[in-house]
Amino acid sequence: MTRRPYSNDTEKRLFTEIDTPQFELDLRKETKHNQEDIRKCLDYFLKDDLVYKDKLQVWLAENDYQGDNFINIVQSKVIDNFMYLVCLMDALMKDEYKNFDLNKLPPKLEDYYILHWQRMGMTDVDNRFKVLVIYTIKEIQTPIPKEAIAEILGTDMDAVGTVLNSWYQYFKIEKIEEEVCYDFYHLSFRSYIESRQELEQDKPMFKEVNERIFQYLNMNNG
């Protein structure tokens, strides 16, 4: 079993039979081995992964990278953060990452979110609707089906679905009472979205989303 780090020792609990032996392995202390595994993962993505290998080889050729050089640069940036690695591999499949210099990758996942937000054009006025979809998922505070997102924003499900598909790596999808619902998968990504509430240019969008959610809840609970 694996889990995220405990915030304090009092949280540590695992309910098992009394005589069941337990051993705790803190992967944060295995940096060297984690980095070796990152390199193995990158090699696998390039050579064997059915989803990524062909597209990655095209990306390498278009951006003038060799396999070994690609692995060295990416590993030096993501260090031992597998979530960062998976997010990046998915991003390189997108048109927004054509002609991208890997040396510009930040060393922390939290900073990569900023880069990815910009690369995906989320700071462009024309993409305001896409931002509203993400902010709706943040502000509703519970897993939500795309039908509800569309109703809240007064649009159609296809438009919402397009946004969700372009950001699918950042969502967990679960079925609740026969409805497919979306919520943030990465707690760190949720924290990044929360931090955008402090940006003057984004405050009006958060206000609009909350007003729309309030109207939607009143209409459906009335």
Protein backbone atom coordinates (compact mmCIF):
# COMPACT_ATOMS: atom_id res chain seq x y z
CA MET A 1 0.00 0.00 0.00
CA THR A 2 1.12 3.55 -0.67
CA ARG A 3 -0.09 6.90 0.61
CA ARG A 4 0.84 10.55 0.69
CA PRO A 5 3.02 11.77 3.60
CA TYR A 6 1.41 12.16 7.01
CA SER A 7 1.17 15.74 8.25
CA ASN A 8 2.14 14.55 11.75
CA ASP A 9 2.86 11.36 13.67
CA THR A 10 -0.59 11.26 15.30
CA GLU A 11 -2.09 10.55 11.88
CA LYS A 12 -0.15 7.33 11.52
CA ARG A 13 -2.58 4.46 11.69
CA LEU A 14 -3.12 1.28 9.77
CA PHE A 15 -5.95 -0.97 10.86
CA THR A 16 -4.85 -4.61 10.69
CA GLU A 17 -4.91 -7.68 12.88
CA ILE A 18 -2.90 -7.12 16.06
CA ASP A 19 -0.15 -9.60 15.13
CA THR A 20 0.23 -8.41 11.55
CA PRO A 21 3.82 -7.20 11.01
CA GLN A 22 4.23 -3.73 9.55
CA PHE A 23 7.15 -2.11 7.77
CA GLU A 24 7.23 1.53 6.72
CA LEU A 25 9.29 2.60 3.71
CA ASP A 26 9.57 6.35 3.23
CA LEU A 27 10.21 6.79 -0.49
CA ARG A 28 11.34 10.37 0.07
CA LYS A 29 14.55 8.91 1.48
CA GLU A 30 15.17 6.83 -1.66
CA THR A 31 16.12 9.69 -3.95
CA LYS A 32 18.92 7.83 -5.74
CA HIS A 33 16.77 4.79 -6.49
CA ASN A 34 13.83 6.99 -7.49
CA GLN A 35 16.01 8.85 -9.97
CA GLU A 36 17.15 5.55 -11.45
CA ASP A 37 13.53 4.54 -11.82
CA ILE A 38 12.74 7.87 -13.51
CA ARG A 39 15.39 7.11 -16.12
CA LYS A 40 13.97 3.62 -16.64
CA CYS A 41 10.50 5.08 -17.07
CA LEU A 42 11.76 7.58 -19.63
CA ASP A 43 13.50 4.83 -21.56
CA TYR A 44 10.28 2.81 -21.49
CA PHE A 45 8.21 5.77 -22.70
CA LEU A 46 10.60 6.27 -25.62
CA LYS A 47 10.94 2.64 -26.69
CA ASP A 48 8.06 0.49 -25.52
CA ASP A 49 5.03 2.44 -24.32
CA LEU A 50 2.20 1.98 -26.83
CA VAL A 51 0.67 5.36 -26.03
CA TYR A 52 3.77 7.55 -26.00
CA LYS A 53 6.64 5.98 -27.93
CA ASP A 54 5.72 6.93 -31.52
CA LYS A 55 4.60 10.46 -30.66
CA LEU A 56 7.66 11.04 -28.49
CA GLN A 57 9.96 9.93 -31.28
CA VAL A 58 8.25 12.43 -33.60
CA TRP A 59 8.59 15.15 -30.96
CA LEU A 60 12.29 14.39 -30.49
CA ALA A 61 12.92 14.56 -34.23
CA GLU A 62 11.00 17.82 -34.63
CA ASN A 63 12.82 19.43 -31.70
CA ASP A 64 16.27 18.05 -32.49
CA TYR A 65 16.76 15.88 -29.39
CA GLN A 66 18.47 12.51 -29.15
CA GLY A 67 17.06 9.86 -26.80
CA ASP A 68 19.92 9.98 -24.28
CA ASN A 69 19.98 13.77 -24.25
CA PHE A 70 16.20 13.85 -23.75
CA ILE A 71 16.43 11.46 -20.80
CA ASN A 72 19.29 13.39 -19.18
CA ILE A 73 17.54 16.76 -19.37
CA VAL A 74 14.11 15.55 -18.24
CA GLN A 75 15.55 13.51 -15.37
CA SER A 76 17.57 16.50 -14.18
CA LYS A 77 14.40 18.59 -14.09
CA VAL A 78 11.82 16.24 -12.58
CA ILE A 79 14.43 14.74 -10.20
CA ASP A 80 12.36 11.98 -8.57
CA ASN A 81 8.83 13.35 -8.95
CA PHE A 82 6.85 10.75 -10.92
CA MET A 83 3.74 12.95 -11.03
CA TYR A 84 5.78 15.67 -12.73
CA LEU A 85 7.11 13.09 -15.19
CA VAL A 86 3.68 11.78 -16.21
CA CYS A 87 2.26 15.30 -16.56
CA LEU A 88 5.17 16.28 -18.80
CA MET A 89 4.96 13.18 -21.02
CA ASP A 90 1.29 13.91 -21.62
CA ALA A 91 2.01 17.59 -22.32
CA LEU A 92 4.59 16.82 -24.98
CA MET A 93 1.83 15.11 -26.98
CA LYS A 94 0.02 18.45 -27.33
CA ASP A 95 0.40 21.03 -30.07
CA GLU A 96 1.10 23.66 -27.41
CA TYR A 97 4.49 22.02 -26.77
CA LYS A 98 5.83 22.12 -30.29
CA ASN A 99 9.22 23.84 -30.44
CA PHE A 100 9.62 23.64 -26.68
CA ASP A 101 13.02 23.95 -25.02
CA LEU A 102 13.30 21.33 -22.27
CA ASN A 103 15.92 23.43 -20.51
CA LYS A 104 13.13 25.88 -19.64
CA LEU A 105 11.41 23.29 -17.45
CA PRO A 106 11.28 24.46 -13.82
CA PRO A 107 12.70 22.17 -11.10
CA LYS A 108 9.44 21.94 -9.11
CA LEU A 109 6.06 20.52 -10.06
CA GLU A 110 4.30 23.54 -8.55
CA ASP A 111 6.25 25.84 -10.88
CA TYR A 112 5.55 23.54 -13.81
CA TYR A 113 1.82 24.13 -13.28
CA ILE A 114 2.45 27.83 -13.97
CA LEU A 115 4.35 26.99 -17.16
CA HIS A 116 1.69 24.51 -18.30
CA TRP A 117 -1.12 26.99 -17.62
CA GLN A 118 0.63 29.49 -19.87
CA ARG A 119 1.55 26.95 -22.58
CA MET A 120 -2.10 25.82 -22.72
CA GLY A 121 -3.10 29.43 -23.41
CA MET A 122 -5.13 29.80 -20.22
CA THR A 123 -3.98 33.41 -19.80
CA ASP A 124 -5.39 34.36 -23.21
CA VAL A 125 -8.67 36.28 -23.24
CA ASP A 126 -10.01 33.94 -25.93
CA ASN A 127 -9.69 30.97 -23.56
CA ARG A 128 -11.71 32.50 -20.74
CA PHE A 129 -14.35 29.77 -21.01
CA LYS A 130 -11.73 27.05 -20.46
CA VAL A 131 -10.61 28.79 -17.28
CA LEU A 132 -14.21 29.01 -16.05
CA VAL A 133 -14.59 25.23 -16.44
CA ILE A 134 -11.50 24.60 -14.29
CA TYR A 135 -12.56 27.16 -11.69
CA THR A 136 -16.08 25.66 -11.52
CA ILE A 137 -14.60 22.28 -10.60
CA LYS A 138 -12.49 23.99 -7.95
CA GLU A 139 -15.33 26.04 -6.42
CA ILE A 140 -18.04 23.37 -6.39
CA GLN A 141 -15.98 21.49 -3.75
CA THR A 142 -17.35 18.06 -4.74
CA PRO A 143 -17.01 15.68 -7.72
CA ILE A 144 -19.23 17.05 -10.48
CA PRO A 145 -20.57 15.64 -13.79
CA LYS A 146 -19.91 17.58 -16.96
CA GLU A 147 -23.68 17.97 -17.43
CA ALA A 148 -23.77 20.06 -14.25
CA ILE A 149 -20.74 22.10 -15.31
CA ALA A 150 -22.47 22.85 -18.63
CA GLU A 151 -25.67 23.88 -16.82
CA ILE A 152 -23.78 26.12 -14.39
CA LEU A 153 -21.92 27.88 -17.21
CA GLY A 154 -24.91 27.98 -19.56
CA THR A 155 -23.23 26.04 -22.35
CA ASP A 156 -23.37 22.58 -23.94
CA MET A 157 -21.68 19.41 -22.75
CA ASP A 158 -19.50 19.09 -25.85
CA ALA A 159 -17.79 22.40 -25.08
CA VAL A 160 -17.17 21.31 -21.49
CA GLY A 161 -16.01 17.87 -22.63
CA THR A 162 -13.39 19.43 -24.91
CA VAL A 163 -11.87 21.30 -21.96
CA LEU A 164 -11.96 18.25 -19.69
CA ASN A 165 -10.27 16.13 -22.36
CA SER A 166 -7.45 18.63 -22.80
CA TRP A 167 -6.82 18.58 -19.03
CA TYR A 168 -7.71 14.92 -18.35
CA GLN A 169 -4.35 14.18 -16.72
CA TYR A 170 -5.26 16.48 -13.84
CA PHE A 171 -8.63 14.96 -12.99
CA LYS A 172 -9.81 11.85 -11.25
CA ILE A 173 -12.98 10.40 -12.74
CA GLU A 174 -15.43 8.44 -10.65
CA LYS A 175 -18.95 7.16 -11.05
CA ILE A 176 -21.43 8.45 -8.46
CA GLU A 177 -25.04 7.29 -8.69
CA GLU A 178 -24.54 6.36 -12.36
CA GLU A 179 -23.05 9.76 -13.22
CA VAL A 180 -19.45 10.21 -14.37
CA CYS A 181 -18.00 12.92 -12.13
CA TYR A 182 -14.80 14.96 -12.23
CA ASP A 183 -12.57 16.27 -9.46
CA PHE A 184 -8.92 17.27 -9.19
CA TYR A 185 -6.55 14.33 -8.98
CA HIS A 186 -3.50 16.29 -7.85
CA LEU A 187 -3.77 18.05 -4.50
CA SER A 188 -0.84 20.19 -5.56
CA PHE A 189 -2.73 21.26 -8.70
CA ARG A 190 -5.77 22.16 -6.60
CA SER A 191 -3.46 24.31 -4.45
CA TYR A 192 -2.17 26.01 -7.58
CA ILE A 193 -5.71 26.83 -8.72
CA GLU A 194 -6.49 28.14 -5.23
CA SER A 195 -3.48 30.44 -5.47
CA ARG A 196 -4.92 31.99 -8.63
CA GLN A 197 -7.78 33.39 -6.57
CA GLU A 198 -5.34 36.04 -5.37
CA LEU A 199 -4.60 37.30 -8.90
CA GLU A 200 -6.42 40.53 -9.73
CA GLN A 201 -7.13 39.43 -13.31
CA ASP A 202 -8.69 36.16 -12.13
CA LYS A 203 -10.79 37.41 -9.19
CA PRO A 204 -13.72 38.41 -11.48
CA MET A 205 -13.82 34.89 -12.94
CA PHE A 206 -13.94 33.27 -9.51
CA LYS A 207 -16.71 35.68 -8.55
CA GLU A 208 -18.66 34.84 -11.71
CA VAL A 209 -18.26 31.10 -11.13
CA ASN A 210 -19.49 31.36 -7.54
CA GLU A 211 -22.50 33.43 -8.59
CA ARG A 212 -23.38 30.86 -11.25
CA ILE A 213 -22.97 27.99 -8.78
CA PHE A 214 -25.23 29.80 -6.29
CA GLN A 215 -27.92 30.24 -8.94
CA TYR A 216 -27.58 26.62 -10.03
CA LEU A 217 -27.92 25.28 -6.48
CA ASN A 218 -30.90 27.52 -5.75
CA MET A 219 -32.64 26.40 -8.91
CA ASN A 220 -32.03 22.70 -8.26
CA ASN A 221 -32.82 22.81 -4.53
CA GLY A 222 -35.87 24.98 -4.86
